[in-house]
Protein backbone atom coordinates (compact mmCIF):
# COMPACT_ATOMS: atom_id res chain seq x y z
CA UNK A 1 -0.35 0.11 0.00
CA UNK A 2 3.07 2.32 0.69
CA UNK A 3 4.40 1.81 -2.31
CA UNK A 4 1.16 2.65 -4.36
CA UNK A 5 0.54 5.45 -2.55
CA UNK A 6 4.14 6.93 -2.68
CA UNK A 7 4.21 6.03 -6.46
CA UNK A 8 1.03 8.37 -6.51
CA UNK A 9 2.58 11.34 -5.26
CA UNK A 10 5.68 10.99 -7.04
CA UNK A 11 3.78 10.56 -10.45
CA UNK A 12 2.00 13.67 -9.75
CA UNK A 13 4.43 16.20 -8.93
CA UNK A 14 2.23 18.97 -11.36
CA UNK A 15 -1.42 17.76 -9.15
CA UNK A 16 -3.40 15.48 -9.00
CA UNK A 17 -4.92 13.89 -11.87
CA UNK A 18 -8.49 12.80 -11.18
CA UNK A 19 -10.15 11.07 -14.29
CA UNK A 20 -14.61 11.84 -13.44
CA UNK A 21 -14.80 9.68 -16.97
CA UNK A 22 -14.40 6.25 -17.27
CA UNK A 23 -11.17 5.49 -20.00
CA UNK A 24 -11.67 3.17 -22.79
CA UNK A 25 -9.28 -0.10 -22.56
CA UNK A 26 -10.74 -2.13 -25.29
CA UNK A 27 -13.53 -3.12 -27.27
CA UNK A 28 -15.41 -6.60 -27.33
CA UNK A 29 -17.68 -7.59 -30.18
CA UNK A 30 -18.02 -3.94 -30.79
CA UNK A 31 -18.75 -2.62 -27.35
CA UNK A 32 -16.44 -0.65 -25.52
CA UNK A 33 -14.92 -2.11 -22.79
CA UNK A 34 -14.21 0.85 -19.91
CA UNK A 35 -11.60 0.49 -16.79
CA UNK A 36 -14.89 0.82 -14.99
CA UNK A 37 -16.56 -2.03 -16.37
CA UNK A 38 -13.65 -3.98 -16.55
CA UNK A 39 -13.03 -3.70 -13.00
CA UNK A 40 -16.95 -4.17 -12.09
CA UNK A 41 -16.46 -7.51 -13.53
CA UNK A 42 -13.35 -8.40 -11.38
CA UNK A 43 -15.28 -7.15 -8.60
CA UNK A 44 -18.45 -9.14 -9.30
CA UNK A 45 -16.32 -12.38 -10.01
CA UNK A 46 -14.38 -11.67 -6.16
CA UNK A 47 -17.51 -11.18 -4.36
CA UNK A 48 -19.54 -13.94 -5.80
CA UNK A 49 -16.51 -16.25 -4.93
CA UNK A 50 -16.09 -14.63 -1.68
CA UNK A 51 -20.11 -15.15 -0.69
CA UNK A 52 -19.97 -19.02 -2.46
CA UNK A 53 -17.40 -19.58 0.60
CA UNK A 54 -19.03 -17.79 3.04
CA UNK A 55 -22.45 -19.96 2.50
CA UNK A 56 -20.54 -23.24 2.22
CA UNK A 57 -19.52 -22.34 6.38
CA UNK A 58 -22.70 -20.80 7.39
CA UNK A 59 -24.63 -23.55 9.83
CA UNK A 60 -27.65 -23.08 11.68
CA UNK A 61 -25.63 -22.69 15.08
CA UNK A 62 -24.12 -19.10 15.04
CA UNK A 63 -20.23 -18.71 14.11
CA UNK A 64 -18.21 -16.36 14.66
CA UNK A 65 -15.27 -14.58 12.34
CA UNK A 66 -16.33 -13.07 8.79
CA UNK A 67 -19.72 -15.64 8.41
CA UNK A 68 -21.38 -14.05 11.38
CA UNK A 69 -20.92 -10.64 9.59
CA UNK A 70 -22.77 -11.77 6.67
CA UNK A 71 -25.50 -13.30 9.03
CA UNK A 72 -25.71 -9.91 10.80
CA UNK A 73 -25.98 -7.98 7.35
CA UNK A 74 -28.85 -10.72 6.11
CA UNK A 75 -30.54 -10.44 9.39
CA UNK A 76 -30.36 -6.39 9.15
CA UNK A 77 -31.91 -6.55 5.70
CA UNK A 78 -34.83 -8.48 6.87
CA UNK A 79 -36.19 -6.77 9.99
CA UNK A 80 -35.58 -3.70 7.47
CA UNK A 81 -38.11 -5.39 5.04
CA UNK A 82 -40.09 -6.26 7.74
CA UNK A 83 -40.83 -3.14 9.57
CA UNK A 84 -41.40 -1.23 6.33
CA UNK A 85 -43.44 -4.11 4.77
CA UNK A 86 -45.29 -5.10 7.84
CA UNK A 87 -45.18 -8.66 7.00
CA UNK A 88 -42.39 -11.47 8.13
CA UNK A 89 -43.03 -13.51 5.26
CA UNK A 90 -43.01 -10.79 2.53
CA UNK A 91 -39.40 -9.96 4.54
CA UNK A 92 -38.04 -13.44 4.21
CA UNK A 93 -39.23 -14.07 0.36
CA UNK A 94 -37.46 -10.19 -0.44
CA UNK A 95 -34.29 -10.19 1.51
CA UNK A 96 -32.46 -11.92 -0.49
CA UNK A 97 -32.74 -9.92 -3.31
CA UNK A 98 -31.86 -6.80 -0.97
CA UNK A 99 -29.22 -8.28 1.28
CA UNK A 100 -27.52 -9.21 -2.81
CA UNK A 101 -27.86 -5.93 -3.22
CA UNK A 102 -26.61 -4.51 -0.26
CA UNK A 103 -23.42 -6.84 -0.23
CA UNK A 104 -22.64 -6.02 -3.90
CA UNK A 105 -23.08 -2.06 -3.48
CA UNK A 106 -20.97 -2.07 -0.15
CA UNK A 107 -17.85 -4.87 -1.20
CA UNK A 108 -17.85 -2.91 -4.40
CA UNK A 109 -16.99 0.53 -2.36
CA UNK A 110 -15.05 -1.27 -0.33
CA UNK A 111 -12.38 -2.79 -3.56
CA UNK A 112 -12.56 0.44 -5.33
CA UNK A 113 -10.27 1.62 -1.98
CA UNK A 114 -7.65 -0.99 -2.66
CA UNK A 115 -3.99 0.22 -3.66
CA UNK A 116 -3.64 0.15 -7.34
CA UNK A 117 -7.37 0.43 -7.87
CA UNK A 118 -8.14 4.30 -9.14
CA UNK A 119 -4.54 6.54 -10.64
CA UNK A 120 -2.29 4.68 -9.65
CA UNK A 121 -2.06 2.04 -12.64
CA UNK A 122 -2.32 3.34 -15.85
CA UNK A 123 -1.57 2.82 -19.69
CA UNK A 124 -1.36 5.72 -22.13
CA UNK A 125 -2.21 7.95 -18.79
CA UNK A 126 -5.46 5.98 -18.72
CA UNK A 127 -6.42 4.55 -15.31
CA UNK A 128 -6.77 0.32 -15.72
CA UNK A 129 -9.19 -0.42 -12.79
CA UNK A 130 -11.80 2.20 -11.84
CA UNK A 131 -14.47 1.82 -9.03
CA UNK A 132 -17.78 0.73 -10.74
CA UNK A 133 -19.85 2.94 -8.30
CA UNK A 134 -17.29 5.87 -9.28
CA UNK A 135 -19.06 5.65 -12.61
CA UNK A 136 -22.56 7.18 -13.52
CA UNK A 137 -23.30 4.20 -15.83
CA UNK A 138 -22.21 2.15 -13.29
CA UNK A 139 -24.66 3.84 -10.37
CA UNK A 140 -27.37 4.54 -13.06
CA UNK A 141 -27.76 0.17 -14.12
CA UNK A 142 -27.77 -0.39 -10.15
CA UNK A 143 -30.66 1.72 -10.00
CA UNK A 144 -32.41 0.63 -12.78
CA UNK A 145 -32.06 -2.80 -11.72
CA UNK A 146 -33.53 -1.67 -8.36
CA UNK A 147 -36.78 0.24 -9.55
CA UNK A 148 -37.12 -2.97 -11.99
CA UNK A 149 -37.20 -5.31 -9.12
CA UNK A 150 -39.24 -2.88 -7.10
CA UNK A 151 -41.85 -2.50 -9.97
CA UNK A 152 -42.00 -6.68 -10.90
CA UNK A 153 -42.43 -7.08 -6.79
CA UNK A 154 -45.50 -4.64 -6.41
CA UNK A 155 -46.81 -6.48 -9.71
CA UNK A 156 -46.60 -9.96 -8.72
CA UNK A 157 -48.48 -8.84 -4.88
CA UNK A 158 -51.31 -6.93 -6.53
CA UNK A 159 -51.26 -7.41 -10.32
CA UNK A 160 -50.23 -5.38 -13.09
CA UNK A 161 -53.82 -2.89 -13.49
CA UNK A 162 -54.13 -2.76 -9.37
CA UNK A 163 -50.50 -1.69 -9.42
CA UNK A 164 -51.45 0.68 -12.45
CA UNK A 165 -54.00 2.16 -10.47
CA UNK A 166 -52.31 3.43 -7.75
CA UNK A 167 -50.73 6.01 -10.25
CA UNK A 168 -54.09 6.91 -11.58
CA UNK A 169 -56.41 7.11 -8.76
CA UNK A 170 -59.60 8.76 -9.44
CA UNK A 171 -61.73 9.33 -12.70
CA UNK A 172 -59.98 8.76 -15.92
CA UNK A 173 -62.41 11.84 -17.12
CA UNK A 174 -60.69 14.24 -15.02
CA UNK A 175 -57.79 15.68 -16.50
CA UNK A 176 -56.07 15.81 -13.04
CA UNK A 177 -56.23 12.69 -12.38
CA UNK A 178 -54.49 11.88 -15.69
CA UNK A 179 -51.99 14.87 -14.98
CA UNK A 180 -51.11 13.56 -11.34
CA UNK A 181 -50.78 9.70 -12.58
CA UNK A 182 -48.61 10.98 -15.47
CA UNK A 183 -46.34 13.09 -12.52
CA UNK A 184 -46.43 9.97 -10.15
CA UNK A 185 -45.11 8.31 -13.26
CA UNK A 186 -42.06 10.34 -13.90
CA UNK A 187 -41.29 10.52 -9.94
CA UNK A 188 -40.32 6.78 -10.91
CA UNK A 189 -37.70 7.97 -12.94
CA UNK A 190 -36.44 11.01 -10.91
CA UNK A 191 -36.02 7.67 -7.78
CA UNK A 192 -33.67 5.89 -10.39
CA UNK A 193 -31.64 9.23 -11.27
CA UNK A 194 -31.89 10.00 -7.13
CA UNK A 195 -30.13 7.06 -6.57
CA UNK A 196 -27.52 7.10 -9.27
CA UNK A 197 -26.45 10.36 -8.60
CA UNK A 198 -26.30 10.25 -4.78
CA UNK A 199 -24.42 6.91 -4.64
CA UNK A 200 -22.01 8.38 -7.85
CA UNK A 201 -21.29 11.52 -6.37
CA UNK A 202 -20.56 10.14 -2.87
CA UNK A 203 -17.76 7.47 -4.25
CA UNK A 204 -16.08 10.10 -6.87
CA UNK A 205 -15.89 12.95 -4.07
CA UNK A 206 -14.06 10.30 -1.81
CA UNK A 207 -11.61 9.69 -4.83
CA UNK A 208 -10.82 12.78 -5.43
CA UNK A 209 -10.27 13.53 -1.82
CA UNK A 210 -7.16 10.68 -1.67
CA UNK A 211 -6.30 12.09 -4.40
CA UNK A 212 -5.81 15.64 -3.31
CA UNK A 213 -4.34 14.27 -0.04
CA UNK A 214 -2.08 11.36 -1.56
CA UNK A 215 -0.54 14.66 -3.69
CA UNK A 216 -0.10 16.94 -0.96
CA UNK A 217 1.28 14.19 1.04
CA UNK A 218 3.92 13.41 -1.15
CA UNK A 219 5.81 11.06 0.49
CA UNK A 220 4.08 11.08 3.92
CA UNK A 221 0.99 10.44 1.51
CA UNK A 222 0.46 7.11 4.00
CA UNK A 223 -0.10 9.07 6.53
CA UNK A 224 -1.97 12.01 5.17
CA UNK A 225 -4.40 9.76 3.30
CA UNK A 226 -4.92 6.89 6.02
CA UNK A 227 -7.34 9.18 7.87
CA UNK A 228 -9.18 9.99 4.94
CA UNK A 229 -9.25 5.82 3.57
CA UNK A 230 -10.61 4.96 7.01
CA UNK A 231 -13.76 7.35 6.41
CA UNK A 232 -14.21 5.93 2.94
CA UNK A 233 -14.96 2.52 4.49
CA UNK A 234 -17.39 4.46 6.67
CA UNK A 235 -18.93 6.27 3.99
CA UNK A 236 -18.88 3.43 1.73
CA UNK A 237 -21.47 1.67 4.23
CA UNK A 238 -23.22 4.45 4.75
CA UNK A 239 -23.75 4.73 1.30
CA UNK A 240 -24.36 0.93 0.56
CA UNK A 241 -27.20 1.17 3.97
CA UNK A 242 -28.66 4.53 2.47
CA UNK A 243 -29.19 2.87 -1.35
CA UNK A 244 -30.86 -0.61 -0.05
CA UNK A 245 -33.03 1.66 2.38
CA UNK A 246 -34.47 3.75 -0.10
CA UNK A 247 -35.18 0.65 -2.17
CA UNK A 248 -37.12 -1.07 0.62
CA UNK A 249 -39.28 2.26 1.11
CA UNK A 250 -40.03 2.50 -2.45
CA UNK A 251 -41.10 -1.03 -2.16
CA UNK A 252 -42.86 -0.57 0.56
CA UNK A 253 -44.69 2.57 -0.55
CA UNK A 254 -45.91 0.42 -4.25
CA UNK A 255 -47.11 -2.67 -2.30
CA UNK A 256 -49.16 0.17 -0.28
CA UNK A 257 -50.87 1.75 -2.36
CA UNK A 258 -51.91 -1.93 -4.08
CA UNK A 259 -52.84 -2.84 -1.10
CA UNK A 260 -55.35 0.19 -0.24
CA UNK A 261 -56.16 0.41 -3.70
CA UNK A 262 -57.03 -3.37 -3.54
CA UNK A 263 -59.12 -2.81 -0.27
CA UNK A 264 -60.96 0.27 -1.65
CA UNK A 265 -62.57 -2.54 -4.87
CA UNK A 266 -63.19 -5.52 -2.24
CA UNK A 267 -66.79 -6.24 -1.74
CA UNK A 268 -66.17 -5.65 2.17
CA UNK A 269 -66.03 -2.03 0.78
CA UNK A 270 -69.14 -2.09 -1.09
CA UNK A 271 -71.94 -1.19 1.62
CA UNK A 272 -74.83 -3.12 0.00
CA UNK A 273 -73.10 -6.49 -1.49
CA UNK A 274 -72.03 -6.19 2.56
CA UNK A 275 -75.82 -6.21 3.55
CA UNK A 276 -76.30 -9.04 0.77
CA UNK A 277 -73.39 -11.18 2.36
CA UNK A 278 -74.86 -10.45 5.96
CA UNK A 279 -78.58 -11.73 4.83
CA UNK A 280 -77.10 -14.87 3.67
CA UNK A 281 -75.07 -15.11 7.05
């Protein structure tokens, strides 16, 4: 680690260089493969192998070590879903998806702090490895997947028409109903932008801070940067939590609207049908 930081400081005598836009490494089948995509693949493989190795060590009896932290993450996400959805059954159904997202975002953020990732290893002036979450394309893709899952799960719970109905509550003959419905649908796209930009900006700002203090530290870069590396570990965990918490909140809102809409059109909510049911016992 010291070697990488010192090399960076020596190479940056004219000032720190921070690449906001990912650089192209090579093309594959006509597609441009950037350094963030390349490192995203590496990170995904590492995360999958890591989680598989931990899952094989998981038992019914609690264990210590890293396995314990994985169990804590899963229980935390399950409890978060249960408190938001109000159902243990639903929480257990959707926990694997959101726990996977949490672990992926968390470890992707942390893997971006490994020495050599960023500005240290370069080819033709372009970094070879760049954190996926420091690329807006990467965070945007993650946000799109999340919102797709939210819509899919909500439709599974209440059906397509009932789910669509919560966007257009009221008579479609009323222009206000159509306007508000379109506005609600546009809000889903705003949520995608909000999720992606929040994660991207926090990770990118962390990269900039580390680059600046590495340059300012010179030969003492390991000392000047170390507090900010610790801070970025905490920020990475916090951003993973916020990303998943907001996703769970969006799912809870979508399911709640579906449940309210179903309750509004249920037979028990129509007075004359209720009287007929009571008359016939």
